């Protein structure tokens, strides 16, 4: 479960649901992932049997990544999670910000209570 719970794993798997992509295309579609982190993510996904790497004997060399049969079993759950995130993302952010603000207020109160007065 760890492998698919990672932010970049989910983003990468989602990007590959529409078909094979090259490394540079994945970087562009992933919105903020570094090439190094993408390479590490792809290697982990390959090691877990979710993604396969296809190297073509061409000049210049071409490498594409695609979902394996096992990886394709995650397509529907990933699409459902993505739809949920799009529908509920703002609400989650609102709750998180409120919790962070409340935590900050409590920390300020605790600090004030400890000061000699």
PDB file of N, CA and C in Angstrom:
ATOM      1  N   UNK A   1       0.803  -1.198   0.000  1.00  0.00           N
ATOM      2  CA  UNK A   1       0.000   0.000   0.000  1.00  0.00           C
ATOM      3  C   UNK A   1       0.848   1.265   0.000  1.00  0.00           C
ATOM      4  N   UNK A   2       2.014   1.221   0.649  1.00  0.00           N
ATOM      5  CA  UNK A   2       2.868   2.411   0.712  1.00  0.00           C
ATOM      6  C   UNK A   2       3.141   2.991  -0.662  1.00  0.00           C
ATOM      7  N   UNK A   3       3.403   2.103  -1.602  1.00  0.00           N
ATOM      8  CA  UNK A   3       3.824   2.563  -2.929  1.00  0.00           C
ATOM      9  C   UNK A   3       2.742   3.398  -3.597  1.00  0.00           C
ATOM     10  N   UNK A   4       1.485   3.050  -3.434  1.00  0.00           N
ATOM     11  CA  UNK A   4       0.447   3.843  -4.091  1.00  0.00           C
ATOM     12  C   UNK A   4      -0.043   4.986  -3.219  1.00  0.00           C
ATOM     13  N   UNK A   5       0.327   4.986  -1.942  1.00  0.00           N
ATOM     14  CA  UNK A   5      -0.073   6.075  -1.053  1.00  0.00           C
ATOM     15  C   UNK A   5       0.800   7.310  -1.239  1.00  0.00           C
ATOM     16  N   UNK A   6       1.948   7.146  -1.849  1.00  0.00           N
ATOM     17  CA  UNK A   6       2.857   8.269  -2.086  1.00  0.00           C
ATOM     18  C   UNK A   6       2.239   9.252  -3.079  1.00  0.00           C
ATOM     19  N   UNK A   7       2.377  10.535  -2.782  1.00  0.00           N
ATOM     20  CA  UNK A   7       1.829  11.588  -3.652  1.00  0.00           C
ATOM     21  C   UNK A   7       2.291  11.413  -5.093  1.00  0.00           C
ATOM     22  N   UNK A   8       3.588  11.279  -5.283  1.00  0.00           N
ATOM     23  CA  UNK A   8       4.116  11.234  -6.649  1.00  0.00           C
ATOM     24  C   UNK A   8       3.781   9.930  -7.351  1.00  0.00           C
ATOM     25  N   UNK A   9       3.614   8.855  -6.596  1.00  0.00           N
ATOM     26  CA  UNK A   9       3.199   7.597  -7.219  1.00  0.00           C
ATOM     27  C   UNK A   9       1.802   7.740  -7.801  1.00  0.00           C
ATOM     28  N   UNK A  10       0.894   8.322  -7.029  1.00  0.00           N
ATOM     29  CA  UNK A  10      -0.473   8.506  -7.509  1.00  0.00           C
ATOM     30  C   UNK A  10      -0.511   9.417  -8.732  1.00  0.00           C
ATOM     31  N   UNK A  11       0.243  10.501  -8.685  1.00  0.00           N
ATOM     32  CA  UNK A  11       0.275  11.442  -9.813  1.00  0.00           C
ATOM     33  C   UNK A  11       0.825  10.743 -11.050  1.00  0.00           C
ATOM     34  N   UNK A  12       1.896   9.979 -10.878  1.00  0.00           N
ATOM     35  CA  UNK A  12       2.526   9.284 -12.003  1.00  0.00           C
ATOM     36  C   UNK A  12       1.600   8.218 -12.570  1.00  0.00           C
ATOM     37  N   UNK A  13       0.999   7.424 -11.697  1.00  0.00           N
ATOM     38  CA  UNK A  13       0.065   6.396 -12.163  1.00  0.00           C
ATOM     39  C   UNK A  13      -1.115   7.025 -12.900  1.00  0.00           C
ATOM     40  N   UNK A  14      -1.642   8.129 -12.368  1.00  0.00           N
ATOM     41  CA  UNK A  14      -2.758   8.808 -13.030  1.00  0.00           C
ATOM     42  C   UNK A  14      -2.345   9.288 -14.420  1.00  0.00           C
ATOM     43  N   UNK A  15      -1.153   9.861 -14.532  1.00  0.00           N
ATOM     44  CA  UNK A  15      -0.682  10.352 -15.832  1.00  0.00           C
ATOM     45  C   UNK A  15      -0.586   9.216 -16.842  1.00  0.00           C
ATOM     46  N   UNK A  16      -0.238   8.031 -16.379  1.00  0.00           N
ATOM     47  CA  UNK A  16      -0.061   6.893 -17.288  1.00  0.00           C
ATOM     48  C   UNK A  16      -1.373   6.187 -17.640  1.00  0.00           C
ATOM     49  N   UNK A  17      -2.485   6.596 -17.039  1.00  0.00           N
ATOM     50  CA  UNK A  17      -3.753   5.926 -17.352  1.00  0.00           C
ATOM     51  C   UNK A  17      -4.200   6.167 -18.788  1.00  0.00           C
ATOM     52  N   UNK A  18      -3.711   7.227 -19.409  1.00  0.00           N
ATOM     53  CA  UNK A  18      -4.097   7.513 -20.798  1.00  0.00           C
ATOM     54  C   UNK A  18      -3.154   6.900 -21.817  1.00  0.00           C
ATOM     55  N   UNK A  19      -2.140   6.168 -21.358  1.00  0.00           N
ATOM     56  CA  UNK A  19      -1.236   5.508 -22.283  1.00  0.00           C
ATOM     57  C   UNK A  19       0.221   5.814 -21.990  1.00  0.00           C
ATOM     58  N   UNK A  20       1.117   5.205 -22.775  1.00  0.00           N
ATOM     59  CA  UNK A  20       2.557   5.353 -22.552  1.00  0.00           C
ATOM     60  C   UNK A  20       3.019   6.806 -22.668  1.00  0.00           C
ATOM     61  N   UNK A  21       4.002   7.157 -21.837  1.00  0.00           N
ATOM     62  CA  UNK A  21       4.579   8.499 -21.856  1.00  0.00           C
ATOM     63  C   UNK A  21       6.086   8.423 -21.675  1.00  0.00           C
ATOM     64  N   UNK A  22       6.744   9.427 -22.211  1.00  0.00           N
ATOM     65  CA  UNK A  22       8.189   9.549 -22.022  1.00  0.00           C
ATOM     66  C   UNK A  22       8.452  10.299 -20.717  1.00  0.00           C
ATOM     67  N   UNK A  23       9.691  10.201 -20.253  1.00  0.00           N
ATOM     68  CA  UNK A  23      10.085  10.818 -18.980  1.00  0.00           C
ATOM     69  C   UNK A  23       9.759  12.310 -18.965  1.00  0.00           C
ATOM     70  N   UNK A  24      10.136  13.030 -20.004  1.00  0.00           N
ATOM     71  CA  UNK A  24       9.883  14.471 -20.074  1.00  0.00           C
ATOM     72  C   UNK A  24       8.403  14.808 -20.052  1.00  0.00           C
ATOM     73  N   UNK A  25       7.604  13.983 -20.712  1.00  0.00           N
ATOM     74  CA  UNK A  25       6.153  14.199 -20.705  1.00  0.00           C
ATOM     75  C   UNK A  25       5.581  14.009 -19.300  1.00  0.00           C
ATOM     76  N   UNK A  26       6.110  13.015 -18.591  1.00  0.00           N
ATOM     77  CA  UNK A  26       5.658  12.783 -17.218  1.00  0.00           C
ATOM     78  C   UNK A  26       6.026  13.952 -16.310  1.00  0.00           C
ATOM     79  N   UNK A  27       7.220  14.516 -16.510  1.00  0.00           N
ATOM     80  CA  UNK A  27       7.632  15.680 -15.719  1.00  0.00           C
ATOM     81  C   UNK A  27       6.642  16.817 -15.941  1.00  0.00           C
ATOM     82  N   UNK A  28       6.307  17.080 -17.209  1.00  0.00           N
ATOM     83  CA  UNK A  28       5.377  18.171 -17.540  1.00  0.00           C
ATOM     84  C   UNK A  28       3.986  17.934 -16.957  1.00  0.00           C
ATOM     85  N   UNK A  29       3.491  16.715 -17.068  1.00  0.00           N
ATOM     86  CA  UNK A  29       2.139  16.405 -16.600  1.00  0.00           C
ATOM     87  C   UNK A  29       2.035  16.327 -15.081  1.00  0.00           C
ATOM     88  N   UNK A  30       3.152  16.085 -14.424  1.00  0.00           N
ATOM     89  CA  UNK A  30       3.123  15.862 -12.980  1.00  0.00           C
ATOM     90  C   UNK A  30       3.117  17.137 -12.160  1.00  0.00           C
ATOM     91  N   UNK A  31       3.354  18.272 -12.770  1.00  0.00           N
ATOM     92  CA  UNK A  31       3.234  19.540 -12.071  1.00  0.00           C
ATOM     93  C   UNK A  31       4.102  19.714 -10.848  1.00  0.00           C
ATOM     94  N   UNK A  32       5.397  19.816 -11.035  1.00  0.00           N
ATOM     95  CA  UNK A  32       6.271  20.144  -9.920  1.00  0.00           C
ATOM     96  C   UNK A  32       7.227  19.051  -9.499  1.00  0.00           C
ATOM     97  N   UNK A  33       7.128  17.887 -10.059  1.00  0.00           N
ATOM     98  CA  UNK A  33       8.053  16.816  -9.691  1.00  0.00           C
ATOM     99  C   UNK A  33       9.406  17.062 -10.355  1.00  0.00           C
ATOM    100  N   UNK A  34      10.473  16.811  -9.632  1.00  0.00           N
ATOM    101  CA  UNK A  34      11.806  16.948 -10.221  1.00  0.00           C
ATOM    102  C   UNK A  34      12.110  15.684 -11.022  1.00  0.00           C
ATOM    103  N   UNK A  35      13.035  15.788 -11.940  1.00  0.00           N
ATOM    104  CA  UNK A  35      13.414  14.621 -12.749  1.00  0.00           C
ATOM    105  C   UNK A  35      13.932  13.494 -11.862  1.00  0.00           C
ATOM    106  N   UNK A  36      14.715  13.865 -10.848  1.00  0.00           N
ATOM    107  CA  UNK A  36      15.285  12.858  -9.942  1.00  0.00           C
ATOM    108  C   UNK A  36      14.187  12.119  -9.185  1.00  0.00           C
ATOM    109  N   UNK A  37      13.241  12.859  -8.629  1.00  0.00           N
ATOM    110  CA  UNK A  37      12.149  12.236  -7.870  1.00  0.00           C
ATOM    111  C   UNK A  37      11.281  11.386  -8.793  1.00  0.00           C
ATOM    112  N   UNK A  38      11.043  11.858 -10.015  1.00  0.00           N
ATOM    113  CA  UNK A  38      10.270  11.061 -10.963  1.00  0.00           C
ATOM    114  C   UNK A  38      10.989   9.754 -11.272  1.00  0.00           C
ATOM    115  N   UNK A  39      12.292   9.820 -11.501  1.00  0.00           N
ATOM    116  CA  UNK A  39      13.066   8.606 -11.783  1.00  0.00           C
ATOM    117  C   UNK A  39      12.958   7.628 -10.622  1.00  0.00           C
ATOM    118  N   UNK A  40      13.095   8.122  -9.393  1.00  0.00           N
ATOM    119  CA  UNK A  40      12.969   7.258  -8.213  1.00  0.00           C
ATOM    120  C   UNK A  40      11.569   6.659  -8.120  1.00  0.00           C
ATOM    121  N   UNK A  41      10.570   7.469  -8.395  1.00  0.00           N
ATOM    122  CA  UNK A  41       9.179   7.009  -8.343  1.00  0.00           C
ATOM    123  C   UNK A  41       8.934   5.927  -9.384  1.00  0.00           C
ATOM    124  N   UNK A  42       9.404   6.164 -10.606  1.00  0.00           N
ATOM    125  CA  UNK A  42       9.224   5.173 -11.676  1.00  0.00           C
ATOM    126  C   UNK A  42       9.921   3.863 -11.330  1.00  0.00           C
ATOM    127  N   UNK A  43      11.100   3.943 -10.752  1.00  0.00           N
ATOM    128  CA  UNK A  43      11.826   2.718 -10.370  1.00  0.00           C
ATOM    129  C   UNK A  43      11.060   1.937  -9.304  1.00  0.00           C
ATOM    130  N   UNK A  44      10.496   2.647  -8.319  1.00  0.00           N
ATOM    131  CA  UNK A  44       9.701   1.969  -7.280  1.00  0.00           C
ATOM    132  C   UNK A  44       8.454   1.329  -7.890  1.00  0.00           C
ATOM    133  N   UNK A  45       7.801   2.052  -8.789  1.00  0.00           N
ATOM    134  CA  UNK A  45       6.603   1.510  -9.432  1.00  0.00           C
ATOM    135  C   UNK A  45       6.946   0.298 -10.294  1.00  0.00           C
ATOM    136  N   UNK A  46       8.095   0.338 -10.965  1.00  0.00           N
ATOM    137  CA  UNK A  46       8.549  -0.811 -11.751  1.00  0.00           C
ATOM    138  C   UNK A  46       8.836  -1.999 -10.838  1.00  0.00           C
ATOM    139  N   UNK A  47       9.541  -1.746  -9.742  1.00  0.00           N
ATOM    140  CA  UNK A  47       9.917  -2.817  -8.816  1.00  0.00           C
ATOM    141  C   UNK A  47       8.693  -3.495  -8.210  1.00  0.00           C
ATOM    142  N   UNK A  48       7.588  -2.767  -8.134  1.00  0.00           N
ATOM    143  CA  UNK A  48       6.351  -3.314  -7.584  1.00  0.00           C
ATOM    144  C   UNK A  48       5.407  -3.839  -8.660  1.00  0.00           C
ATOM    145  N   UNK A  49       5.873  -3.862  -9.903  1.00  0.00           N
ATOM    146  CA  UNK A  49       5.097  -4.453 -10.982  1.00  0.00           C
ATOM    147  C   UNK A  49       3.959  -3.617 -11.517  1.00  0.00           C
ATOM    148  N   UNK A  50       3.960  -2.301 -11.228  1.00  0.00           N
ATOM    149  CA  UNK A  50       2.862  -1.443 -11.666  1.00  0.00           C
ATOM    150  C   UNK A  50       3.152  -0.697 -12.959  1.00  0.00           C
ATOM    151  N   UNK A  51       4.425  -0.478 -13.244  1.00  0.00           N
ATOM    152  CA  UNK A  51       4.848   0.275 -14.433  1.00  0.00           C
ATOM    153  C   UNK A  51       5.942  -0.510 -15.134  1.00  0.00           C
ATOM    154  N   UNK A  52       5.931  -0.435 -16.466  1.00  0.00           N
ATOM    155  CA  UNK A  52       7.028  -1.044 -17.220  1.00  0.00           C
ATOM    156  C   UNK A  52       7.711   0.002 -18.082  1.00  0.00           C
ATOM    157  N   UNK A  53       8.987  -0.219 -18.302  1.00  0.00           N
ATOM    158  CA  UNK A  53       9.839   0.693 -19.068  1.00  0.00           C
ATOM    159  C   UNK A  53      10.139   0.033 -20.406  1.00  0.00           C
ATOM    160  N   UNK A  54       9.919   0.776 -21.478  1.00  0.00           N
ATOM    161  CA  UNK A  54      10.195   0.273 -22.824  1.00  0.00           C
ATOM    162  C   UNK A  54      11.287   1.138 -23.442  1.00  0.00           C
ATOM    163  N   UNK A  55      12.444   0.551 -23.682  1.00  0.00           N
ATOM    164  CA  UNK A  55      13.543   1.275 -24.328  1.00  0.00           C
ATOM    165  C   UNK A  55      13.582   0.834 -25.788  1.00  0.00           C
ATOM    166  N   UNK A  56      13.567   1.805 -26.691  1.00  0.00           N
ATOM    167  CA  UNK A  56      13.575   1.522 -28.120  1.00  0.00           C
ATOM    168  C   UNK A  56      14.968   1.755 -28.678  1.00  0.00           C
ATOM    169  N   UNK A  57      15.412   0.863 -29.533  1.00  0.00           N
ATOM    170  CA  UNK A  57      16.744   0.963 -30.138  1.00  0.00           C
ATOM    171  C   UNK A  57      16.682   1.926 -31.311  1.00  0.00           C
ATOM    172  N   UNK A  58      16.680   3.204 -30.993  1.00  0.00           N
ATOM    173  CA  UNK A  58      16.600   4.262 -31.997  1.00  0.00           C
ATOM    174  C   UNK A  58      17.654   5.303 -31.696  1.00  0.00           C
ATOM    175  N   UNK A  59      17.898   6.143 -32.671  1.00  0.00           N
ATOM    176  CA  UNK A  59      18.784   7.288 -32.453  1.00  0.00           C
ATOM    177  C   UNK A  59      17.976   8.539 -32.749  1.00  0.00           C
ATOM    178  N   UNK A  60      17.773   9.429 -31.812  1.00  0.00           N
ATOM    179  CA  UNK A  60      18.201   9.336 -30.408  1.00  0.00           C
ATOM    180  C   UNK A  60      17.378   8.295 -29.655  1.00  0.00           C
ATOM    181  N   UNK A  61      17.930   7.811 -28.542  1.00  0.00           N
ATOM    182  CA  UNK A  61      17.223   6.782 -27.773  1.00  0.00           C
ATOM    183  C   UNK A  61      15.857   7.278 -27.298  1.00  0.00           C
ATOM    184  N   UNK A  62      14.920   6.368 -27.255  1.00  0.00           N
ATOM    185  CA  UNK A  62      13.570   6.704 -26.794  1.00  0.00           C
ATOM    186  C   UNK A  62      13.158   5.691 -25.737  1.00  0.00           C
ATOM    187  N   UNK A  63      12.654   6.195 -24.622  1.00  0.00           N
ATOM    188  CA  UNK A  63      12.168   5.343 -23.535  1.00  0.00           C
ATOM    189  C   UNK A  63      10.760   5.802 -23.180  1.00  0.00           C
ATOM    190  N   UNK A  64       9.867   4.849 -23.062  1.00  0.00           N
ATOM    191  CA  UNK A  64       8.492   5.149 -22.661  1.00  0.00           C
ATOM    192  C   UNK A  64       8.126   4.303 -21.446  1.00  0.00           C
ATOM    193  N   UNK A  65       7.211   4.838 -20.671  1.00  0.00           N
ATOM    194  CA  UNK A  65       6.710   4.135 -19.495  1.00  0.00           C
ATOM    195  C   UNK A  65       5.217   3.913 -19.676  1.00  0.00           C
ATOM    196  N   UNK A  66       4.753   2.757 -19.228  1.00  0.00           N
ATOM    197  CA  UNK A  66       3.324   2.456 -19.319  1.00  0.00           C
ATOM    198  C   UNK A  66       2.917   1.598 -18.128  1.00  0.00           C
ATOM    199  N   UNK A  67       1.618   1.530 -17.912  1.00  0.00           N
ATOM    200  CA  UNK A  67       1.100   0.687 -16.843  1.00  0.00           C
ATOM    201  C   UNK A  67       1.169  -0.775 -17.261  1.00  0.00           C
ATOM    202  N   UNK A  68       1.485  -1.634 -16.330  1.00  0.00           N
ATOM    203  CA  UNK A  68       1.413  -3.074 -16.564  1.00  0.00           C
ATOM    204  C   UNK A  68      -0.048  -3.499 -16.394  1.00  0.00           C
ATOM    205  N   UNK A  69      -0.322  -4.776 -16.620  1.00  0.00           N
ATOM    206  CA  UNK A  69      -1.679  -5.279 -16.374  1.00  0.00           C
ATOM    207  C   UNK A  69      -2.068  -5.044 -14.914  1.00  0.00           C
ATOM    208  N   UNK A  70      -1.127  -5.279 -14.006  1.00  0.00           N
ATOM    209  CA  UNK A  70      -1.387  -5.037 -12.588  1.00  0.00           C
ATOM    210  C   UNK A  70      -1.635  -3.550 -12.332  1.00  0.00           C
ATOM    211  N   UNK A  71      -0.838  -2.695 -12.945  1.00  0.00           N
ATOM    212  CA  UNK A  71      -1.012  -1.253 -12.796  1.00  0.00           C
ATOM    213  C   UNK A  71      -2.358  -0.784 -13.317  1.00  0.00           C
ATOM    214  N   UNK A  72      -2.828  -1.401 -14.400  1.00  0.00           N
ATOM    215  CA  UNK A  72      -4.123  -1.018 -14.969  1.00  0.00           C
ATOM    216  C   UNK A  72      -5.292  -1.345 -14.036  1.00  0.00           C
ATOM    217  N   UNK A  73      -5.077  -2.284 -13.115  1.00  0.00           N
ATOM    218  CA  UNK A  73      -6.153  -2.584 -12.160  1.00  0.00           C
ATOM    219  C   UNK A  73      -6.389  -1.408 -11.212  1.00  0.00           C
ATOM    220  N   UNK A  74      -5.456  -0.462 -11.173  1.00  0.00           N
ATOM    221  CA  UNK A  74      -5.599   0.721 -10.317  1.00  0.00           C
ATOM    222  C   UNK A  74      -6.261   1.900 -11.031  1.00  0.00           C
ATOM    223  N   UNK A  75      -6.498   1.785 -12.331  1.00  0.00           N
ATOM    224  CA  UNK A  75      -7.045   2.915 -13.092  1.00  0.00           C
ATOM    225  C   UNK A  75      -8.344   3.447 -12.499  1.00  0.00           C
ATOM    226  N   UNK A  76      -9.311   2.585 -12.283  1.00  0.00           N
ATOM    227  CA  UNK A  76     -10.610   3.043 -11.776  1.00  0.00           C
ATOM    228  C   UNK A  76     -10.493   3.639 -10.372  1.00  0.00           C
ATOM    229  N   UNK A  77      -9.817   2.966  -9.433  1.00  0.00           N
ATOM    230  CA  UNK A  77      -9.660   3.602  -8.113  1.00  0.00           C
ATOM    231  C   UNK A  77      -8.946   4.955  -8.188  1.00  0.00           C
ATOM    232  N   UNK A  78      -7.945   5.078  -9.042  1.00  0.00           N
ATOM    233  CA  UNK A  78      -7.222   6.350  -9.170  1.00  0.00           C
ATOM    234  C   UNK A  78      -8.145   7.421  -9.735  1.00  0.00           C
ATOM    235  N   UNK A  79      -8.926   7.083 -10.746  1.00  0.00           N
ATOM    236  CA  UNK A  79      -9.869   8.056 -11.321  1.00  0.00           C
ATOM    237  C   UNK A  79     -10.906   8.488 -10.277  1.00  0.00           C
ATOM    238  N   UNK A  80     -11.366   7.539  -9.475  1.00  0.00           N
ATOM    239  CA  UNK A  80     -12.346   7.867  -8.437  1.00  0.00           C
ATOM    240  C   UNK A  80     -11.732   8.789  -7.379  1.00  0.00           C
ATOM    241  N   UNK A  81     -10.507   8.500  -6.947  1.00  0.00           N
ATOM    242  CA  UNK A  81      -9.832   9.358  -5.966  1.00  0.00           C
ATOM    243  C   UNK A  81      -9.566  10.746  -6.533  1.00  0.00           C
ATOM    244  N   UNK A  82      -9.201  10.806  -7.803  1.00  0.00           N
ATOM    245  CA  UNK A  82      -8.954  12.096  -8.447  1.00  0.00           C
ATOM    246  C   UNK A  82     -10.240  12.913  -8.507  1.00  0.00           C
ATOM    247  N   UNK A  83     -11.337  12.269  -8.881  1.00  0.00           N
ATOM    248  CA  UNK A  83     -12.627  12.967  -8.931  1.00  0.00           C
ATOM    249  C   UNK A  83     -13.020  13.451  -7.536  1.00  0.00           C
ATOM    250  N   UNK A  84     -12.808  12.611  -6.523  1.00  0.00           N
ATOM    251  CA  UNK A  84     -13.126  13.008  -5.154  1.00  0.00           C
ATOM    252  C   UNK A  84     -12.291  14.225  -4.747  1.00  0.00           C
ATOM    253  N   UNK A  85     -11.001  14.196  -5.063  1.00  0.00           N
ATOM    254  CA  UNK A  85     -10.112  15.310  -4.700  1.00  0.00           C
ATOM    255  C   UNK A  85     -10.544  16.601  -5.385  1.00  0.00           C
ATOM    256  N   UNK A  86     -10.948  16.509  -6.636  1.00  0.00           N
ATOM    257  CA  UNK A  86     -11.408  17.706  -7.355  1.00  0.00           C
ATOM    258  C   UNK A  86     -12.689  18.267  -6.733  1.00  0.00           C
ATOM    259  N   UNK A  87     -13.586  17.374  -6.333  1.00  0.00           N
ATOM    260  CA  UNK A  87     -14.859  17.803  -5.746  1.00  0.00           C
ATOM    261  C   UNK A  87     -14.700  18.331  -4.323  1.00  0.00           C
ATOM    262  N   UNK A  88     -13.778  17.758  -3.571  1.00  0.00           N
ATOM    263  CA  UNK A  88     -13.696  18.045  -2.140  1.00  0.00           C
ATOM    264  C   UNK A  88     -12.407  18.721  -1.698  1.00  0.00           C
ATOM    265  N   UNK A  89     -11.520  18.987  -2.628  1.00  0.00           N
ATOM    266  CA  UNK A  89     -10.220  19.557  -2.279  1.00  0.00           C
ATOM    267  C   UNK A  89     -10.302  20.859  -1.511  1.00  0.00           C
ATOM    268  N   UNK A  90     -11.189  21.750  -1.944  1.00  0.00           N
ATOM    269  CA  UNK A  90     -11.312  23.046  -1.262  1.00  0.00           C
ATOM    270  C   UNK A  90     -11.809  22.871   0.169  1.00  0.00           C
ATOM    271  N   UNK A  91     -12.734  21.963   0.375  1.00  0.00           N
ATOM    272  CA  UNK A  91     -13.249  21.719   1.731  1.00  0.00           C
ATOM    273  C   UNK A  91     -12.144  21.171   2.628  1.00  0.00           C
ATOM    274  N   UNK A  92     -11.335  20.269   2.102  1.00  0.00           N
ATOM    275  CA  UNK A  92     -10.231  19.711   2.880  1.00  0.00           C
ATOM    276  C   UNK A  92      -9.255  20.813   3.270  1.00  0.00           C
ATOM    277  N   UNK A  93      -8.927  21.682   2.328  1.00  0.00           N
ATOM    278  CA  UNK A  93      -8.017  22.796   2.612  1.00  0.00           C
ATOM    279  C   UNK A  93      -8.611  23.704   3.688  1.00  0.00           C
ATOM    280  N   UNK A  94      -9.897  23.997   3.596  1.00  0.00           N
ATOM    281  CA  UNK A  94     -10.564  24.843   4.593  1.00  0.00           C
ATOM    282  C   UNK A  94     -10.474  24.222   5.986  1.00  0.00           C
ATOM    283  N   UNK A  95     -10.761  22.923   6.092  1.00  0.00           N
ATOM    284  CA  UNK A  95     -10.661  22.245   7.388  1.00  0.00           C
ATOM    285  C   UNK A  95      -9.225  22.247   7.907  1.00  0.00           C
ATOM    286  N   UNK A  96      -8.269  21.976   7.023  1.00  0.00           N
ATOM    287  CA  UNK A  96      -6.860  21.950   7.437  1.00  0.00           C
ATOM    288  C   UNK A  96      -6.424  23.314   7.941  1.00  0.00           C
ATOM    289  N   UNK A  97      -6.785  24.378   7.211  1.00  0.00           N
ATOM    290  CA  UNK A  97      -6.410  25.733   7.630  1.00  0.00           C
ATOM    291  C   UNK A  97      -7.038  26.090   8.972  1.00  0.00           C
ATOM    292  N   UNK A  98      -8.282  25.692   9.188  1.00  0.00           N
ATOM    293  CA  UNK A  98      -8.945  25.959  10.469  1.00  0.00           C
ATOM    294  C   UNK A  98      -8.248  25.208  11.601  1.00  0.00           C
ATOM    295  N   UNK A  99      -7.873  23.966  11.348  1.00  0.00           N
ATOM    296  CA  UNK A  99      -7.175  23.174  12.367  1.00  0.00           C
ATOM    297  C   UNK A  99      -5.811  23.778  12.684  1.00  0.00           C
ATOM    298  N   UNK A 100      -5.097  24.228  11.650  1.00  0.00           N
ATOM    299  CA  UNK A 100      -3.791  24.852  11.863  1.00  0.00           C
ATOM    300  C   UNK A 100      -3.930  26.153  12.639  1.00  0.00           C
ATOM    301  N   UNK A 101      -4.956  26.938  12.332  1.00  0.00           N
ATOM    302  CA  UNK A 101      -5.184  28.196  13.045  1.00  0.00           C
ATOM    303  C   UNK A 101      -5.518  27.919  14.508  1.00  0.00           C
ATOM    304  N   UNK A 102      -6.365  26.927  14.760  1.00  0.00           N
ATOM    305  CA  UNK A 102      -6.725  26.576  16.136  1.00  0.00           C
ATOM    306  C   UNK A 102      -5.506  26.081  16.902  1.00  0.00           C
ATOM    307  N   UNK A 103      -4.685  25.291  16.255  1.00  0.00           N
ATOM    308  CA  UNK A 103      -3.465  24.784  16.882  1.00  0.00           C
ATOM    309  C   UNK A 103      -2.519  25.923  17.221  1.00  0.00           C
ATOM    310  N   UNK A 104      -2.417  26.893  16.337  1.00  0.00           N
ATOM    311  CA  UNK A 104      -1.553  28.053  16.557  1.00  0.00           C
ATOM    312  C   UNK A 104      -2.052  28.885  17.733  1.00  0.00           C
ATOM    313  N   UNK A 105      -3.367  29.066  17.817  1.00  0.00           N
ATOM    314  CA  UNK A 105      -3.960  29.832  18.923  1.00  0.00           C
ATOM    315  C   UNK A 105      -3.699  29.114  20.250  1.00  0.00           C
ATOM    316  N   UNK A 106      -3.876  27.786  20.264  1.00  0.00           N
ATOM    317  CA  UNK A 106      -3.626  27.013  21.482  1.00  0.00           C
ATOM    318  C   UNK A 106      -2.164  27.102  21.895  1.00  0.00           C
ATOM    319  N   UNK A 107      -1.253  27.059  20.930  1.00  0.00           N
ATOM    320  CA  UNK A 107       0.174  27.162  21.234  1.00  0.00           C
ATOM    321  C   UNK A 107       0.495  28.533  21.816  1.00  0.00           C
ATOM    322  N   UNK A 108      -0.116  29.583  21.260  1.00  0.00           N
ATOM    323  CA  UNK A 108       0.090  30.938  21.783  1.00  0.00           C
ATOM    324  C   UNK A 108      -0.425  31.051  23.219  1.00  0.00           C
ATOM    325  N   UNK A 109      -1.580  30.459  23.487  1.00  0.00           N
ATOM    326  CA  UNK A 109      -2.151  30.497  24.845  1.00  0.00           C
ATOM    327  C   UNK A 109      -1.249  29.758  25.831  1.00  0.00           C
ATOM    328  N   UNK A 110      -0.747  28.606  25.412  1.00  0.00           N
ATOM    329  CA  UNK A 110       0.123  27.820  26.284  1.00  0.00           C
ATOM    330  C   UNK A 110       1.406  28.581  26.588  1.00  0.00           C
ATOM    331  N   UNK A 111       1.957  29.244  25.589  1.00  0.00           N
ATOM    332  CA  UNK A 111       3.172  30.035  25.777  1.00  0.00           C
ATOM    333  C   UNK A 111       2.903  31.205  26.709  1.00  0.00           C
ATOM    334  N   UNK A 112       1.770  31.877  26.531  1.00  0.00           N
ATOM    335  CA  UNK A 112       1.399  33.018  27.381  1.00  0.00           C
ATOM    336  C   UNK A 112       1.178  32.585  28.825  1.00  0.00           C
ATOM    337  N   UNK A 113       0.570  31.427  29.021  1.00  0.00           N
ATOM    338  CA  UNK A 113       0.279  30.926  30.365  1.00  0.00           C
ATOM    339  C   UNK A 113       1.553  30.567  31.118  1.00  0.00           C
ATOM    340  N   UNK A 114       2.610  30.216  30.393  1.00  0.00           N
ATOM    341  CA  UNK A 114       3.864  29.824  31.029  1.00  0.00           C
ATOM    342  C   UNK A 114       4.728  31.016  31.406  1.00  0.00           C
ATOM    343  N   UNK A 115       4.440  32.170  30.844  1.00  0.00           N
ATOM    344  CA  UNK A 115       5.236  33.365  31.145  1.00  0.00           C
ATOM    345  C   UNK A 115       4.888  33.888  32.540  1.00  0.00           C
ATOM    346  N   UNK A 116       5.923  34.263  33.284  1.00  0.00           N
ATOM    347  CA  UNK A 116       5.628  34.848  34.598  1.00  0.00           C
ATOM    348  C   UNK A 116       4.964  36.204  34.415  1.00  0.00           C
ATOM    349  N   UNK A 117       3.984  36.472  35.166  1.00  0.00           N
ATOM    350  CA  UNK A 117       3.238  37.680  34.931  1.00  0.00           C
ATOM    351  C   UNK A 117       3.194  38.585  36.038  1.00  0.00           C
TER     352      UNK A 117
END
